[in-house]
C-alpha atoms as a PDB file:
ATOM      1  CA  UNK A   1      89.825  98.577 109.868  1.00  0.00           C
ATOM      2  CA  UNK A   2      93.329  95.792 110.831  1.00  0.00           C
ATOM      3  CA  UNK A   3      91.697  94.513 107.213  1.00  0.00           C
ATOM      4  CA  UNK A   4      95.051  97.316 106.222  1.00  0.00           C
ATOM      5  CA  UNK A   5      96.752  95.443 107.093  1.00  0.00           C
ATOM      6  CA  UNK A   6      96.378  92.543 105.125  1.00  0.00           C
ATOM      7  CA  UNK A   7      95.414  94.362 102.012  1.00  0.00           C
ATOM      8  CA  UNK A   8      98.328  95.833 101.665  1.00  0.00           C
ATOM      9  CA  UNK A   9     100.874  93.268 103.420  1.00  0.00           C
ATOM     10  CA  UNK A  10      99.523  90.573  99.508  1.00  0.00           C
ATOM     11  CA  UNK A  11      99.959  94.068  97.959  1.00  0.00           C
ATOM     12  CA  UNK A  12     102.628  94.000  97.969  1.00  0.00           C
ATOM     13  CA  UNK A  13     103.668  90.315  97.160  1.00  0.00           C
ATOM     14  CA  UNK A  14     102.360  91.077  93.418  1.00  0.00           C
ATOM     15  CA  UNK A  15     104.782  93.700  93.458  1.00  0.00           C
ATOM     16  CA  UNK A  16     107.571  91.749  94.585  1.00  0.00           C
ATOM     17  CA  UNK A  17     106.195  89.522  91.844  1.00  0.00           C
ATOM     18  CA  UNK A  18     105.887  91.849  88.885  1.00  0.00           C
ATOM     19  CA  UNK A  19     108.843  93.807  89.372  1.00  0.00           C
ATOM     20  CA  UNK A  20     111.044  90.097  89.824  1.00  0.00           C
ATOM     21  CA  UNK A  21     109.870  88.762  86.432  1.00  0.00           C
ATOM     22  CA  UNK A  22     110.613  92.731  84.509  1.00  0.00           C
ATOM     23  CA  UNK A  23     114.287  92.410  86.435  1.00  0.00           C
ATOM     24  CA  UNK A  24     115.060  88.254  85.072  1.00  0.00           C
ATOM     25  CA  UNK A  25     113.415  88.777  81.585  1.00  0.00           C
ATOM     26  CA  UNK A  26     115.536  92.409  81.634  1.00  0.00           C
ATOM     27  CA  UNK A  27     118.645  90.144  81.911  1.00  0.00           C
ATOM     28  CA  UNK A  28     117.148  89.329  78.265  1.00  0.00           C
ATOM     29  CA  UNK A  29     116.678  92.807  76.526  1.00  0.00           C
ATOM     30  CA  UNK A  30     119.588  93.626  75.143  1.00  0.00           C
ATOM     31  CA  UNK A  31     120.045  89.679  72.921  1.00  0.00           C
ATOM     32  CA  UNK A  32     116.562  90.921  71.667  1.00  0.00           C
ATOM     33  CA  UNK A  33     117.211  94.705  70.683  1.00  0.00           C
ATOM     34  CA  UNK A  34     120.176  93.485  69.082  1.00  0.00           C
ATOM     35  CA  UNK A  35     118.336  90.846  66.213  1.00  0.00           C
ATOM     36  CA  UNK A  36     115.664  93.507  66.171  1.00  0.00           C
ATOM     37  CA  UNK A  37     118.148  96.112  64.969  1.00  0.00           C
ATOM     38  CA  UNK A  38     119.529  93.507  62.485  1.00  0.00           C
ATOM     39  CA  UNK A  39     116.223  92.610  61.589  1.00  0.00           C
ATOM     40  CA  UNK A  40     114.145  95.468  61.057  1.00  0.00           C
ATOM     41  CA  UNK A  41     117.995  96.773  59.050  1.00  0.00           C
ATOM     42  CA  UNK A  42     116.984  94.233  56.575  1.00  0.00           C
ATOM     43  CA  UNK A  43     114.033  94.162  55.660  1.00  0.00           C
ATOM     44  CA  UNK A  44     112.889  97.735  56.368  1.00  0.00           C
ATOM     45  CA  UNK A  45     116.005  99.605  55.928  1.00  0.00           C
ATOM     46  CA  UNK A  46     118.185 101.634  58.229  1.00  0.00           C
ATOM     47  CA  UNK A  47     117.604 102.992  61.637  1.00  0.00           C
ATOM     48  CA  UNK A  48     119.868 105.489  63.018  1.00  0.00           C
ATOM     49  CA  UNK A  49     122.326 104.019  64.192  1.00  0.00           C
ATOM     50  CA  UNK A  50     122.423 106.738  66.952  1.00  0.00           C
ATOM     51  CA  UNK A  51     119.238 106.362  68.291  1.00  0.00           C
ATOM     52  CA  UNK A  52     119.519 102.827  68.308  1.00  0.00           C
ATOM     53  CA  UNK A  53     123.063 102.914  70.146  1.00  0.00           C
ATOM     54  CA  UNK A  54     121.406 104.426  72.530  1.00  0.00           C
ATOM     55  CA  UNK A  55     118.747 101.991  73.217  1.00  0.00           C
ATOM     56  CA  UNK A  56     120.922  99.701  73.460  1.00  0.00           C
ATOM     57  CA  UNK A  57     123.452 101.998  76.097  1.00  0.00           C
ATOM     58  CA  UNK A  58     119.972 102.283  78.000  1.00  0.00           C
ATOM     59  CA  UNK A  59     119.048  98.099  78.009  1.00  0.00           C
ATOM     60  CA  UNK A  60     122.678  97.331  78.555  1.00  0.00           C
ATOM     61  CA  UNK A  61     122.033  98.894  81.431  1.00  0.00           C
ATOM     62  CA  UNK A  62     118.926  97.391  82.403  1.00  0.00           C
ATOM     63  CA  UNK A  63     120.569  93.896  81.819  1.00  0.00           C
ATOM     64  CA  UNK A  64     123.377  94.921  84.412  1.00  0.00           C
ATOM     65  CA  UNK A  65     121.463  95.431  87.349  1.00  0.00           C
ATOM     66  CA  UNK A  66     118.496  92.579  86.315  1.00  0.00           C
ATOM     67  CA  UNK A  67     121.600  89.997  85.917  1.00  0.00           C
ATOM     68  CA  UNK A  68     122.510  91.352  89.316  1.00  0.00           C
ATOM     69  CA  UNK A  69     119.453  91.624  91.302  1.00  0.00           C
ATOM     70  CA  UNK A  70     118.403  87.940  89.857  1.00  0.00           C
ATOM     71  CA  UNK A  71     121.792  86.329  90.814  1.00  0.00           C
ATOM     72  CA  UNK A  72     122.025  87.822  94.180  1.00  0.00           C
ATOM     73  CA  UNK A  73     118.007  86.765  94.621  1.00  0.00           C
ATOM     74  CA  UNK A  74     117.201  90.661  94.190  1.00  0.00           C
ATOM     75  CA  UNK A  75     118.900  92.049  97.433  1.00  0.00           C
ATOM     76  CA  UNK A  76     118.401  95.814  96.672  1.00  0.00           C
ATOM     77  CA  UNK A  77     114.888  94.655  95.639  1.00  0.00           C
ATOM     78  CA  UNK A  78     113.772  93.044  99.012  1.00  0.00           C
ATOM     79  CA  UNK A  79     115.223  96.066 101.353  1.00  0.00           C
ATOM     80  CA  UNK A  80     112.998  98.305 100.213  1.00  0.00           C
ATOM     81  CA  UNK A  81     109.811  95.863  99.826  1.00  0.00           C
ATOM     82  CA  UNK A  82     111.265  95.638 104.492  1.00  0.00           C
ATOM     83  CA  UNK A  83     110.447  99.222 104.882  1.00  0.00           C
ATOM     84  CA  UNK A  84     107.553  99.349 103.623  1.00  0.00           C
ATOM     85  CA  UNK A  85     106.000  95.839 105.743  1.00  0.00           C
ATOM     86  CA  UNK A  86     107.364  97.329 108.600  1.00  0.00           C
ATOM     87  CA  UNK A  87     105.167 100.890 107.748  1.00  0.00           C
ATOM     88  CA  UNK A  88     102.254  98.558 106.808  1.00  0.00           C
ATOM     89  CA  UNK A  89     102.688  96.580 110.587  1.00  0.00           C
ATOM     90  CA  UNK A  90     102.940 100.429 112.208  1.00  0.00           C
ATOM     91  CA  UNK A  91     100.370 101.733 110.442  1.00  0.00           C
ATOM     92  CA  UNK A  92      98.117  98.750 111.077  1.00  0.00           C
ATOM     93  CA  UNK A  93      98.486  98.613 114.986  1.00  0.00           C
ATOM     94  CA  UNK A  94      98.520 102.884 115.267  1.00  0.00           C
ATOM     95  CA  UNK A  95      94.929 102.264 113.569  1.00  0.00           C
ATOM     96  CA  UNK A  96      94.029  99.418 116.035  1.00  0.00           C
ATOM     97  CA  UNK A  97      95.258 101.534 119.189  1.00  0.00           C
ATOM     98  CA  UNK A  98      93.110 104.590 118.428  1.00  0.00           C
ATOM     99  CA  UNK A  99      89.928 102.308 117.408  1.00  0.00           C
ATOM    100  CA  UNK A 100      90.308 101.043 120.725  1.00  0.00           C
ATOM    101  CA  UNK A 101      91.188 104.243 122.789  1.00  0.00           C
ATOM    102  CA  UNK A 102      88.122 105.587 121.131  1.00  0.00           C
ATOM    103  CA  UNK A 103      85.952 103.276 123.063  1.00  0.00           C
ATOM    104  CA  UNK A 104      84.645 104.978 126.220  1.00  0.00           C
ATOM    105  CA  UNK A 105      84.918 102.244 128.055  1.00  0.00           C
ATOM    106  CA  UNK A 106      89.016 101.484 127.686  1.00  0.00           C
ATOM    107  CA  UNK A 107      89.400 103.874 130.070  1.00  0.00           C
ATOM    108  CA  UNK A 108      87.580 102.220 132.924  1.00  0.00           C
ATOM    109  CA  UNK A 109      90.975  98.912 132.633  1.00  0.00           C
ATOM    110  CA  UNK A 110      94.553  99.225 132.406  1.00  0.00           C
ATOM    111  CA  UNK A 111      96.353 101.501 134.604  1.00  0.00           C
ATOM    112  CA  UNK A 112      98.674 102.788 132.118  1.00  0.00           C
ATOM    113  CA  UNK A 113      96.259 104.026 130.386  1.00  0.00           C
ATOM    114  CA  UNK A 114      94.003 106.566 133.004  1.00  0.00           C
ATOM    115  CA  UNK A 115      97.625 107.551 134.803  1.00  0.00           C
ATOM    116  CA  UNK A 116      98.156 109.022 131.027  1.00  0.00           C
ATOM    117  CA  UNK A 117      98.550 113.542 132.058  1.00  0.00           C
ATOM    118  CA  UNK A 118      95.945 115.434 129.986  1.00  0.00           C
ATOM    119  CA  UNK A 119      95.910 119.150 129.533  1.00  0.00           C
ATOM    120  CA  UNK A 120      92.559 119.847 130.187  1.00  0.00           C
ATOM    121  CA  UNK A 121      91.721 122.956 128.372  1.00  0.00           C
ATOM    122  CA  UNK A 122      93.831 121.825 125.229  1.00  0.00           C
ATOM    123  CA  UNK A 123      92.391 118.342 125.233  1.00  0.00           C
ATOM    124  CA  UNK A 124      89.128 120.548 125.519  1.00  0.00           C
ATOM    125  CA  UNK A 125      89.516 122.403 122.624  1.00  0.00           C
ATOM    126  CA  UNK A 126      90.619 119.094 120.458  1.00  0.00           C
ATOM    127  CA  UNK A 127      88.040 117.456 117.666  1.00  0.00           C
ATOM    128  CA  UNK A 128      87.409 114.257 118.492  1.00  0.00           C
ATOM    129  CA  UNK A 129      90.167 112.868 115.940  1.00  0.00           C
ATOM    130  CA  UNK A 130      92.813 114.293 117.214  1.00  0.00           C
ATOM    131  CA  UNK A 131      92.020 113.802 121.271  1.00  0.00           C
ATOM    132  CA  UNK A 132      92.876 110.132 119.900  1.00  0.00           C
ATOM    133  CA  UNK A 133      96.260 110.952 118.038  1.00  0.00           C
ATOM    134  CA  UNK A 134      96.670 112.952 120.903  1.00  0.00           C
ATOM    135  CA  UNK A 135      96.548 109.442 123.352  1.00  0.00           C
ATOM    136  CA  UNK A 136      98.185 107.029 120.919  1.00  0.00           C
ATOM    137  CA  UNK A 137     101.072 109.470 121.291  1.00  0.00           C
ATOM    138  CA  UNK A 138     101.071 109.948 125.150  1.00  0.00           C
ATOM    139  CA  UNK A 139     101.093 105.783 125.368  1.00  0.00           C
ATOM    140  CA  UNK A 140     103.851 105.690 122.388  1.00  0.00           C
ATOM    141  CA  UNK A 141     105.553 107.975 124.403  1.00  0.00           C
ATOM    142  CA  UNK A 142     104.969 106.026 128.063  1.00  0.00           C
ATOM    143  CA  UNK A 143     105.428 102.740 126.759  1.00  0.00           C
ATOM    144  CA  UNK A 144     108.746 104.025 124.690  1.00  0.00           C
ATOM    145  CA  UNK A 145     106.703 101.304 122.168  1.00  0.00           C
ATOM    146  CA  UNK A 146     109.576 102.577 119.874  1.00  0.00           C
ATOM    147  CA  UNK A 147     112.427 101.348 121.527  1.00  0.00           C
ATOM    148  CA  UNK A 148     111.367  98.120 122.561  1.00  0.00           C
ATOM    149  CA  UNK A 149     112.696  94.894 120.878  1.00  0.00           C
ATOM    150  CA  UNK A 150     110.992  92.899 117.308  1.00  0.00           C
ATOM    151  CA  UNK A 151     106.772  92.795 118.581  1.00  0.00           C
ATOM    152  CA  UNK A 152     107.643  94.370 121.612  1.00  0.00           C
ATOM    153  CA  UNK A 153     106.940  97.606 119.922  1.00  0.00           C
ATOM    154  CA  UNK A 154     103.865  96.818 118.901  1.00  0.00           C
ATOM    155  CA  UNK A 155     102.787  94.461 121.957  1.00  0.00           C
ATOM    156  CA  UNK A 156     103.509  97.664 123.969  1.00  0.00           C
ATOM    157  CA  UNK A 157     100.990  99.637 122.235  1.00  0.00           C
ATOM    158  CA  UNK A 158      98.765  97.208 122.458  1.00  0.00           C
ATOM    159  CA  UNK A 159      98.801  95.119 125.604  1.00  0.00           C
ATOM    160  CA  UNK A 160      97.375  98.691 127.509  1.00  0.00           C
ATOM    161  CA  UNK A 161      94.334  98.849 125.405  1.00  0.00           C
ATOM    162  CA  UNK A 162      92.965  95.150 125.536  1.00  0.00           C
ATOM    163  CA  UNK A 163      94.558  93.840 122.109  1.00  0.00           C
ATOM    164  CA  UNK A 164      97.458  92.411 123.787  1.00  0.00           C
ATOM    165  CA  UNK A 165      98.264  88.303 122.787  1.00  0.00           C
ATOM    166  CA  UNK A 166     101.003  86.068 122.576  1.00  0.00           C
ATOM    167  CA  UNK A 167     103.332  85.816 119.469  1.00  0.00           C
ATOM    168  CA  UNK A 168     105.250  82.297 118.811  1.00  0.00           C
ATOM    169  CA  UNK A 169     108.475  81.664 119.457  1.00  0.00           C
ATOM    170  CA  UNK A 170     109.184  81.379 115.843  1.00  0.00           C
ATOM    171  CA  UNK A 171     106.992  84.839 114.620  1.00  0.00           C
ATOM    172  CA  UNK A 172     109.048  86.288 117.243  1.00  0.00           C
ATOM    173  CA  UNK A 173     112.002  85.056 116.090  1.00  0.00           C
ATOM    174  CA  UNK A 174     111.786  86.929 112.986  1.00  0.00           C
ATOM    175  CA  UNK A 175     110.147  89.628 113.690  1.00  0.00           C
ATOM    176  CA  UNK A 176     113.656  91.024 116.277  1.00  0.00           C
ATOM    177  CA  UNK A 177     115.090  90.493 112.177  1.00  0.00           C
ATOM    178  CA  UNK A 178     112.516  92.071 109.976  1.00  0.00           C
ATOM    179  CA  UNK A 179     113.154  95.207 112.071  1.00  0.00           C
ATOM    180  CA  UNK A 180     116.685  95.020 113.387  1.00  0.00           C
ATOM    181  CA  UNK A 181     117.102  94.574 108.963  1.00  0.00           C
ATOM    182  CA  UNK A 182     114.734  97.688 108.892  1.00  0.00           C
ATOM    183  CA  UNK A 183     117.030  99.590 110.758  1.00  0.00           C
ATOM    184  CA  UNK A 184     120.338  98.715 109.427  1.00  0.00           C
ATOM    185  CA  UNK A 185     118.138  99.878 105.546  1.00  0.00           C
ATOM    186  CA  UNK A 186     117.299 103.671 107.070  1.00  0.00           C
ATOM    187  CA  UNK A 187     120.178 104.726 109.705  1.00  0.00           C
ATOM    188  CA  UNK A 188     123.237 102.243 109.053  1.00  0.00           C
ATOM    189  CA  UNK A 189     122.833 102.189 104.637  1.00  0.00           C
ATOM    190  CA  UNK A 190     122.660  99.180 104.769  1.00  0.00           C
ATOM    191  CA  UNK A 191     126.014  98.447 106.874  1.00  0.00           C
ATOM    192  CA  UNK A 192     126.086  95.506 109.307  1.00  0.00           C
ATOM    193  CA  UNK A 193     126.425  97.585 113.603  1.00  0.00           C
ATOM    194  CA  UNK A 194     126.731  96.101 116.352  1.00  0.00           C
ATOM    195  CA  UNK A 195     122.927  96.645 117.800  1.00  0.00           C
ATOM    196  CA  UNK A 196     121.791  94.300 114.603  1.00  0.00           C
ATOM    197  CA  UNK A 197     124.380  91.614 115.226  1.00  0.00           C
ATOM    198  CA  UNK A 198     123.244  91.911 119.009  1.00  0.00           C
ATOM    199  CA  UNK A 199     119.662  91.200 118.383  1.00  0.00           C
ATOM    200  CA  UNK A 200     119.927  89.103 115.705  1.00  0.00           C
ATOM    201  CA  UNK A 201     122.866  87.330 116.992  1.00  0.00           C
ATOM    202  CA  UNK A 202     122.417  83.836 114.347  1.00  0.00           C
ATOM    203  CA  UNK A 203     122.601  85.679 110.982  1.00  0.00           C
ATOM    204  CA  UNK A 204     126.334  85.471 109.240  1.00  0.00           C
ATOM    205  CA  UNK A 205     126.140  89.056 109.180  1.00  0.00           C
ATOM    206  CA  UNK A 206     129.674  90.244 111.067  1.00  0.00           C
ATOM    207  CA  UNK A 207     129.738  93.878 111.831  1.00  0.00           C
ATOM    208  CA  UNK A 208     130.598  96.624 109.031  1.00  0.00           C
ATOM    209  CA  UNK A 209     129.338  93.712 106.480  1.00  0.00           C
ATOM    210  CA  UNK A 210     127.119  94.462 103.883  1.00  0.00           C
ATOM    211  CA  UNK A 211     123.283  93.393 104.815  1.00  0.00           C
ATOM    212  CA  UNK A 212     121.651  90.926 102.488  1.00  0.00           C
ATOM    213  CA  UNK A 213     118.540  90.000 102.065  1.00  0.00           C
ATOM    214  CA  UNK A 214     117.528  86.899  99.252  1.00  0.00           C
ATOM    215  CA  UNK A 215     114.901  85.251  99.185  1.00  0.00           C
ATOM    216  CA  UNK A 216     114.514  82.644 101.824  1.00  0.00           C
ATOM    217  CA  UNK A 217     115.169  85.802 104.454  1.00  0.00           C
ATOM    218  CA  UNK A 218     112.265  88.101 102.848  1.00  0.00           C
ATOM    219  CA  UNK A 219     110.243  84.744 103.030  1.00  0.00           C
ATOM    220  CA  UNK A 220     110.283  84.919 106.412  1.00  0.00           C
ATOM    221  CA  UNK A 221     109.541  88.220 106.304  1.00  0.00           C
ATOM    222  CA  UNK A 222     106.518  88.321 105.166  1.00  0.00           C
ATOM    223  CA  UNK A 223     105.014  84.860 106.453  1.00  0.00           C
ATOM    224  CA  UNK A 224     105.874  86.860 109.888  1.00  0.00           C
ATOM    225  CA  UNK A 225     103.896  89.204 108.899  1.00  0.00           C
ATOM    226  CA  UNK A 226     100.958  88.316 107.280  1.00  0.00           C
ATOM    227  CA  UNK A 227     100.390  85.722 110.410  1.00  0.00           C
ATOM    228  CA  UNK A 228     100.670  89.337 112.388  1.00  0.00           C
ATOM    229  CA  UNK A 229      98.206  91.000 110.077  1.00  0.00           C
ATOM    230  CA  UNK A 230      95.737  87.985 110.498  1.00  0.00           C
ATOM    231  CA  UNK A 231      95.992  87.815 114.398  1.00  0.00           C
ATOM    232  CA  UNK A 232      95.020  91.709 113.902  1.00  0.00           C
ATOM    233  CA  UNK A 233      91.710  90.771 112.666  1.00  0.00           C
ATOM    234  CA  UNK A 234      90.943  87.831 115.572  1.00  0.00           C
ATOM    235  CA  UNK A 235      92.051  90.553 117.879  1.00  0.00           C
ATOM    236  CA  UNK A 236      90.542  93.118 117.117  1.00  0.00           C
ATOM    237  CA  UNK A 237      86.600  90.518 116.391  1.00  0.00           C
ATOM    238  CA  UNK A 238      87.157  89.148 120.031  1.00  0.00           C
ATOM    239  CA  UNK A 239      86.519  92.949 121.301  1.00  0.00           C
ATOM    240  CA  UNK A 240      83.808  93.824 118.700  1.00  0.00           C
ATOM    241  CA  UNK A 241      86.261  96.888 116.797  1.00  0.00           C
ATOM    242  CA  UNK A 242      85.691  94.973 113.387  1.00  0.00           C
ATOM    243  CA  UNK A 243      81.650  95.816 112.605  1.00  0.00           C
ATOM    244  CA  UNK A 244      79.688  92.712 110.425  1.00  0.00           C
ATOM    245  CA  UNK A 245      82.227  90.087 110.306  1.00  0.00           C
ATOM    246  CA  UNK A 246      80.627  87.268 110.749  1.00  0.00           C
ATOM    247  CA  UNK A 247      82.307  83.238 112.733  1.00  0.00           C
ATOM    248  CA  UNK A 248      83.077  82.234 109.434  1.00  0.00           C
ATOM    249  CA  UNK A 249      85.958  85.243 108.334  1.00  0.00           C
ATOM    250  CA  UNK A 250      87.110  85.139 112.207  1.00  0.00           C
ATOM    251  CA  UNK A 251      87.196  81.510 111.134  1.00  0.00           C
ATOM    252  CA  UNK A 252      89.242  81.843 108.263  1.00  0.00           C
ATOM    253  CA  UNK A 253      91.464  84.560 109.483  1.00  0.00           C
ATOM    254  CA  UNK A 254      92.751  81.590 112.860  1.00  0.00           C
ATOM    255  CA  UNK A 255      93.246  79.187 109.725  1.00  0.00           C
ATOM    256  CA  UNK A 256      95.111  81.958 107.612  1.00  0.00           C
ATOM    257  CA  UNK A 257      97.497  82.471 110.025  1.00  0.00           C
ATOM    258  CA  UNK A 258      97.659  79.269 111.783  1.00  0.00           C
ATOM    259  CA  UNK A 259      99.032  78.867 107.591  1.00  0.00           C
ATOM    260  CA  UNK A 260     102.004  80.754 107.693  1.00  0.00           C
ATOM    261  CA  UNK A 261     103.161  80.230 111.043  1.00  0.00           C
ATOM    262  CA  UNK A 262     103.320  76.979 109.713  1.00  0.00           C
ATOM    263  CA  UNK A 263     104.780  78.098 106.382  1.00  0.00           C
ATOM    264  CA  UNK A 264     108.031  78.886 108.814  1.00  0.00           C
ATOM    265  CA  UNK A 265     108.396  76.101 110.572  1.00  0.00           C
ATOM    266  CA  UNK A 266     109.303  74.889 107.621  1.00  0.00           C
ATOM    267  CA  UNK A 267     111.420  77.010 106.148  1.00  0.00           C
ATOM    268  CA  UNK A 268     115.208  76.070 106.807  1.00  0.00           C
END
């Protein structure tokens, strides 16, 4: 179930490594292409100059992109990855919440669940899947989850269904910055606004600056996201919402998220 988050985040790390390697290598492609062209002309006859020039131009564009990204610590790539990280976490939290809402016993617990307004006629006509989706939508509106800061947007949904928990300060701080960076990227074309500066007061950027996400900043984001992925697994297992999970596997998730927290503590 919530293994989705960890699997997708780890897959994203592989994607990141592949693209960083490709961009770094791309910066040397023009020189390589020129040498190959000289070799072909010398040993295998003349190659069409027009074709070569077209190829060289395309490689020069790739090299320029690669050089710019490498020298600035991959800000464009990181901006794309930040949006994906947030979408993975949002989907995982929704999944965990709907899993809890599917258990009938949940309705005997928090007051906020019992007071969700349900139009009986419409509700009875929905499939079981659609009923849970309806309840998730209502819970999101009622808790104003999307307006919460940092991990609060996730905990606002998880807490009413018994899946809430403590988030260490070092992780909470990272989540505030991660989500505010995502908002600036998606809604402000990457330009820092007043909300970002108010909520991420420790950042070096000023209002109006273009947001730069270098290696150190992104590494914090991915470590925080991985911590939360492991935390979701632990919380779900404690509520018996994961089938066939062993004690050793739970211990592994605890160890995994502790490692991510320690990484964050040691990062500058």
